[in-house]
Structures are given as structure tokens and as C-alpha cells.
């Protein structure tokens, strides 16, 4: 093969950049799933989706936050909520298993899919089994979770305008204050983040070797 037939480095880079998932060695490279077990990343993913929703609010102005443009924000908040609940249940299950208490295995928790009431019911059960003091703010979280489920039971209504049967995903002329929605969801996610951190601390202490 002659030199004229060899691919030049810049030609290789140009060809690779036409693909979706390529590593360039530049500052825009990202790395996923590089540490720990995949199941341990539910909480970081929940944080990432929450941060993305907040960033959309922060960087958007005027009409950019109106009407259909609000849908990605609501969807990100809902997804963050779902992942926080699953992360909490999995941590709690690991703690209970150390004491020989049967709760839910990972597969059972994940199989709840987008079922917010089911996940919240398991959260209540987890608190009882852990003898975790029930805070009044948990009741407020439960009310928000149930209201969100009522409007979007399958994590579908803010992703698609229509259902699988072709009906409207939301009732006609559905209106709400996006700023209020985000403020209430921020409160819920902050509570769940504290619960997650608390459980992670308990699990770490339980697994520390005795000197």
C-alpha cells in the first residue's frame, strides 16, 4: 500500500466524527459507568436529571418556558423523583438484609417501573421496618407524589401529546404554574436526597470492619 492510499490522521478524525459515539480525547469526551455497580448509580442519575431540569429553568427566559416547552422540565423532575425513590428502596433493602430482614430485592423494586404510588407505599413500609421516625415533611412529599401520579400515572403525559390509543395525554386546556411546580418538586427531591444520604451513611457504617 502506498502512502497516498493511507488514511491521514485528520481524515480518520473527520470520518469518526460522523458517528454518534466516538472518543476524541478532547474536553467534550464523557465517561459513563466507570465505577462501582450499575445499581449504585440510581441516585447520581436522579441528581443529574434534577440538575438538568433546574438548568433549563435557569437558562430559559420568557416564551422559552411557556406551554409545550415546559414538558421536558416536568418530565425530568418526574424521572428524578422516580429514581430517588428506587435508590432509597434499594439502599434500605441492603440495610435490612444485613439484619436478616426480608424486604424487596432489586428486581422487585425496579419492576415497579413508573408506579409512583407503589414506590411510595414501599417507602412507608421501609421506614416502618427500619424503625425510621416518620417526619411530617414526608406527608407533604406523599401528597405531591400522589398529585403528580394523578396527572401523569405512567410517566407518559409530558413526553407525548397523545396516548397509545390516540387520545389526548392531558385534558384539554390543562394549565399550571411552572414556577410553583418546580418549587414544590425541589422541596420533595431535597427531602428524598437527605433520606438517601442518611441511608447510605447507615449502610457504610454497617459494613465497616470491626477493629
Protein backbone atom coordinates (compact mmCIF):
# COMPACT_ATOMS: atom_id res chain seq x y z
CA UNK A 1 0.00 0.00 0.00
CA UNK A 2 1.41 3.35 -1.00
CA UNK A 3 1.49 6.42 1.21
CA UNK A 4 -1.16 8.04 -0.95
CA UNK A 5 -3.61 5.29 -0.01
CA UNK A 6 -3.04 5.55 3.72
CA UNK A 7 -5.63 7.34 5.82
CA UNK A 8 -4.28 10.57 7.23
CA UNK A 9 -4.98 11.24 10.94
CA UNK A 10 -7.23 14.20 10.14
CA UNK A 11 -9.21 12.05 7.71
CA UNK A 12 -9.74 9.44 10.44
CA UNK A 13 -10.93 12.08 12.89
CA UNK A 14 -13.29 13.53 10.31
CA UNK A 15 -14.70 10.09 9.50
CA UNK A 16 -15.11 9.18 13.17
CA UNK A 17 -16.90 12.41 13.95
CA UNK A 18 -19.66 11.38 11.57
CA UNK A 19 -20.53 8.61 14.07
CA UNK A 20 -22.57 9.18 17.21
CA UNK A 21 -20.47 7.59 19.95
CA UNK A 22 -16.78 8.26 19.36
CA UNK A 23 -13.93 9.10 21.69
CA UNK A 24 -11.86 12.04 20.52
CA UNK A 25 -9.64 12.65 23.54
CA UNK A 26 -10.99 16.17 23.80
CA UNK A 27 -12.61 18.01 26.69
CA UNK A 28 -16.06 17.10 25.37
CA UNK A 29 -15.47 13.37 25.98
CA UNK A 30 -17.68 11.91 28.72
CA UNK A 31 -17.26 8.66 30.64
CA UNK A 32 -20.20 6.61 31.93
CA UNK A 33 -20.42 3.50 34.10
CA UNK A 34 -16.76 3.57 35.11
CA UNK A 35 -17.04 2.85 38.82
CA UNK A 36 -18.98 0.57 41.16
CA UNK A 37 -22.10 -1.40 40.33
CA UNK A 38 -24.71 -0.04 37.93
CA UNK A 39 -27.43 -0.30 40.59
CA UNK A 40 -25.45 2.14 42.74
CA UNK A 41 -25.91 4.89 40.16
CA UNK A 42 -29.65 5.49 40.58
CA UNK A 43 -29.04 8.36 42.99
CA UNK A 44 -26.40 10.09 40.81
CA UNK A 45 -28.75 9.76 37.84
CA UNK A 46 -31.57 11.27 39.92
CA UNK A 47 -29.31 14.19 40.80
CA UNK A 48 -28.29 14.63 37.16
CA UNK A 49 -31.89 14.80 35.91
CA UNK A 50 -32.81 17.22 38.71
CA UNK A 51 -29.83 19.43 37.86
CA UNK A 52 -30.74 19.33 34.17
CA UNK A 53 -34.29 20.49 34.93
CA UNK A 54 -33.01 23.32 37.11
CA UNK A 55 -30.52 24.34 34.43
CA UNK A 56 -33.29 24.53 31.83
CA UNK A 57 -35.21 26.86 34.16
CA UNK A 58 -32.13 28.95 34.85
CA UNK A 59 -31.08 29.34 31.21
CA UNK A 60 -34.55 29.86 29.73
CA UNK A 61 -36.37 33.16 29.56
CA UNK A 62 -39.76 34.43 28.51
CA UNK A 63 -41.54 32.29 25.94
CA UNK A 64 -38.87 29.59 26.22
CA UNK A 65 -40.64 28.37 29.36
CA UNK A 66 -44.17 28.57 28.10
CA UNK A 67 -46.60 25.87 27.04
CA UNK A 68 -45.02 22.81 25.33
CA UNK A 69 -41.52 23.95 26.28
CA UNK A 70 -42.38 23.12 29.90
CA UNK A 71 -42.81 19.40 29.12
CA UNK A 72 -39.10 18.41 29.18
CA UNK A 73 -38.73 20.14 32.54
CA UNK A 74 -41.71 18.33 34.10
CA UNK A 75 -40.53 15.02 32.66
CA UNK A 76 -37.01 15.45 34.09
CA UNK A 77 -38.42 16.25 37.54
CA UNK A 78 -40.67 13.20 37.46
CA UNK A 79 -37.84 10.95 36.35
CA UNK A 80 -35.59 12.28 39.11
CA UNK A 81 -38.31 11.58 41.67
CA UNK A 82 -38.77 8.01 40.45
CA UNK A 83 -35.04 7.28 40.56
CA UNK A 84 -34.65 8.76 44.05
CA UNK A 85 -37.41 6.51 45.37
CA UNK A 86 -35.86 3.43 43.77
CA UNK A 87 -32.40 4.33 45.07
CA UNK A 88 -33.79 4.74 48.60
CA UNK A 89 -35.63 1.42 48.49
CA UNK A 90 -32.55 -0.43 47.26
CA UNK A 91 -30.36 1.10 49.97
CA UNK A 92 -32.96 0.26 52.59
CA UNK A 93 -33.22 -3.29 51.32
CA UNK A 94 -29.44 -3.70 51.65
CA UNK A 95 -29.54 -2.44 55.25
CA UNK A 96 -32.40 -4.75 56.21
CA UNK A 97 -30.70 -7.72 54.58
CA UNK A 98 -27.73 -7.29 56.93
CA UNK A 99 -30.11 -8.00 59.83
CA UNK A 100 -31.79 -10.87 58.02
CA UNK A 101 -34.99 -8.90 57.38
CA UNK A 102 -36.72 -9.68 54.08
CA UNK A 103 -37.89 -6.61 52.20
CA UNK A 104 -37.69 -6.30 48.42
CA UNK A 105 -34.95 -7.46 46.09
CA UNK A 106 -33.60 -5.14 43.42
CA UNK A 107 -35.62 -6.75 40.64
CA UNK A 108 -38.88 -6.26 42.55
CA UNK A 109 -38.10 -2.60 43.15
CA UNK A 110 -37.16 -1.91 39.55
CA UNK A 111 -40.21 -3.79 38.30
CA UNK A 112 -42.39 -1.10 39.86
CA UNK A 113 -41.38 0.83 36.72
CA UNK A 114 -43.12 4.24 36.76
CA UNK A 115 -45.56 3.37 39.55
CA UNK A 116 -45.12 6.28 41.97
CA UNK A 117 -47.87 5.17 44.43
CA UNK A 118 -46.34 1.70 44.58
CA UNK A 119 -42.88 3.10 45.24
CA UNK A 120 -44.23 5.47 47.90
CA UNK A 121 -46.07 2.60 49.61
CA UNK A 122 -42.81 0.65 49.73
CA UNK A 123 -41.10 3.74 51.18
CA UNK A 124 -43.60 3.76 54.04
CA UNK A 125 -43.01 0.05 54.64
CA UNK A 126 -39.26 0.61 54.60
CA UNK A 127 -39.49 3.35 57.22
CA UNK A 128 -41.52 1.04 59.47
CA UNK A 129 -39.10 -1.88 59.11
CA UNK A 130 -36.13 0.37 59.82
CA UNK A 131 -37.87 1.98 62.81
CA UNK A 132 -37.26 5.23 60.97
CA UNK A 133 -39.00 8.20 62.54
CA UNK A 134 -41.76 9.44 60.25
CA UNK A 135 -41.28 13.15 59.58
CA UNK A 136 -44.19 15.50 58.88
CA UNK A 137 -42.43 16.57 55.69
CA UNK A 138 -42.86 13.02 54.40
CA UNK A 139 -46.62 13.53 54.42
CA UNK A 140 -46.20 16.65 52.28
CA UNK A 141 -44.00 14.67 49.89
CA UNK A 142 -46.63 11.95 49.65
CA UNK A 143 -49.31 14.48 48.72
CA UNK A 144 -47.15 15.88 45.90
CA UNK A 145 -46.29 12.40 44.66
CA UNK A 146 -49.93 11.36 44.56
CA UNK A 147 -50.91 14.55 42.73
CA UNK A 148 -48.18 14.02 40.14
CA UNK A 149 -49.28 10.41 39.66
CA UNK A 150 -52.88 11.53 39.17
CA UNK A 151 -51.86 13.74 36.25
CA UNK A 152 -49.13 11.50 34.85
CA UNK A 153 -49.60 7.91 36.04
CA UNK A 154 -47.25 6.27 33.55
CA UNK A 155 -44.56 8.90 33.02
CA UNK A 156 -46.14 9.44 29.62
CA UNK A 157 -48.16 12.65 29.63
CA UNK A 158 -45.25 15.07 29.42
CA UNK A 159 -43.35 13.02 26.83
CA UNK A 160 -46.13 12.55 24.27
CA UNK A 161 -49.19 14.65 23.38
CA UNK A 162 -51.32 11.54 22.83
CA UNK A 163 -51.75 8.11 24.40
CA UNK A 164 -51.14 4.81 22.62
CA UNK A 165 -54.85 4.77 21.75
CA UNK A 166 -54.66 8.22 20.20
CA UNK A 167 -56.45 10.09 23.00
CA UNK A 168 -55.05 13.34 24.44
CA UNK A 169 -52.45 12.62 27.12
CA UNK A 170 -53.73 15.56 29.20
CA UNK A 171 -57.15 17.12 29.48
CA UNK A 172 -57.98 19.98 27.16
CA UNK A 173 -56.56 23.38 28.15
CA UNK A 174 -54.52 21.91 31.02
CA UNK A 175 -52.92 24.83 32.89
CA UNK A 176 -50.46 25.08 35.77
CA UNK A 177 -47.82 27.43 37.15
CA UNK A 178 -44.42 26.02 36.15
CA UNK A 179 -42.53 28.06 38.74
CA UNK A 180 -44.74 26.70 41.52
CA UNK A 181 -44.40 23.15 40.17
CA UNK A 182 -40.61 23.37 40.20
CA UNK A 183 -40.51 24.88 43.69
CA UNK A 184 -42.70 22.11 45.13
CA UNK A 185 -40.72 19.39 43.34
CA UNK A 186 -37.43 20.88 44.52
CA UNK A 187 -38.69 20.54 48.09
CA UNK A 188 -39.63 16.89 47.58
CA UNK A 189 -36.36 15.99 45.89
CA UNK A 190 -34.33 17.72 48.60
CA UNK A 191 -36.12 15.63 51.24
CA UNK A 192 -35.50 12.42 49.31
CA UNK A 193 -31.86 13.35 48.80
CA UNK A 194 -31.43 13.72 52.56
CA UNK A 195 -33.10 10.34 53.13
CA UNK A 196 -30.84 8.74 50.53
CA UNK A 197 -27.72 10.25 52.13
CA UNK A 198 -28.85 9.10 55.55
CA UNK A 199 -29.40 5.53 54.41
CA UNK A 200 -26.09 5.49 52.55
CA UNK A 201 -24.36 6.56 55.77
CA UNK A 202 -26.08 3.82 57.77
CA UNK A 203 -25.09 1.20 55.19
CA UNK A 204 -21.47 2.38 55.15
CA UNK A 205 -21.27 2.19 58.94
CA UNK A 206 -22.87 -1.25 58.97
CA UNK A 207 -20.32 -2.58 56.50
CA UNK A 208 -17.24 -1.14 58.23
CA UNK A 209 -15.00 -3.87 59.68
CA UNK A 210 -14.86 -4.05 63.48
CA UNK A 211 -11.39 -3.12 64.78
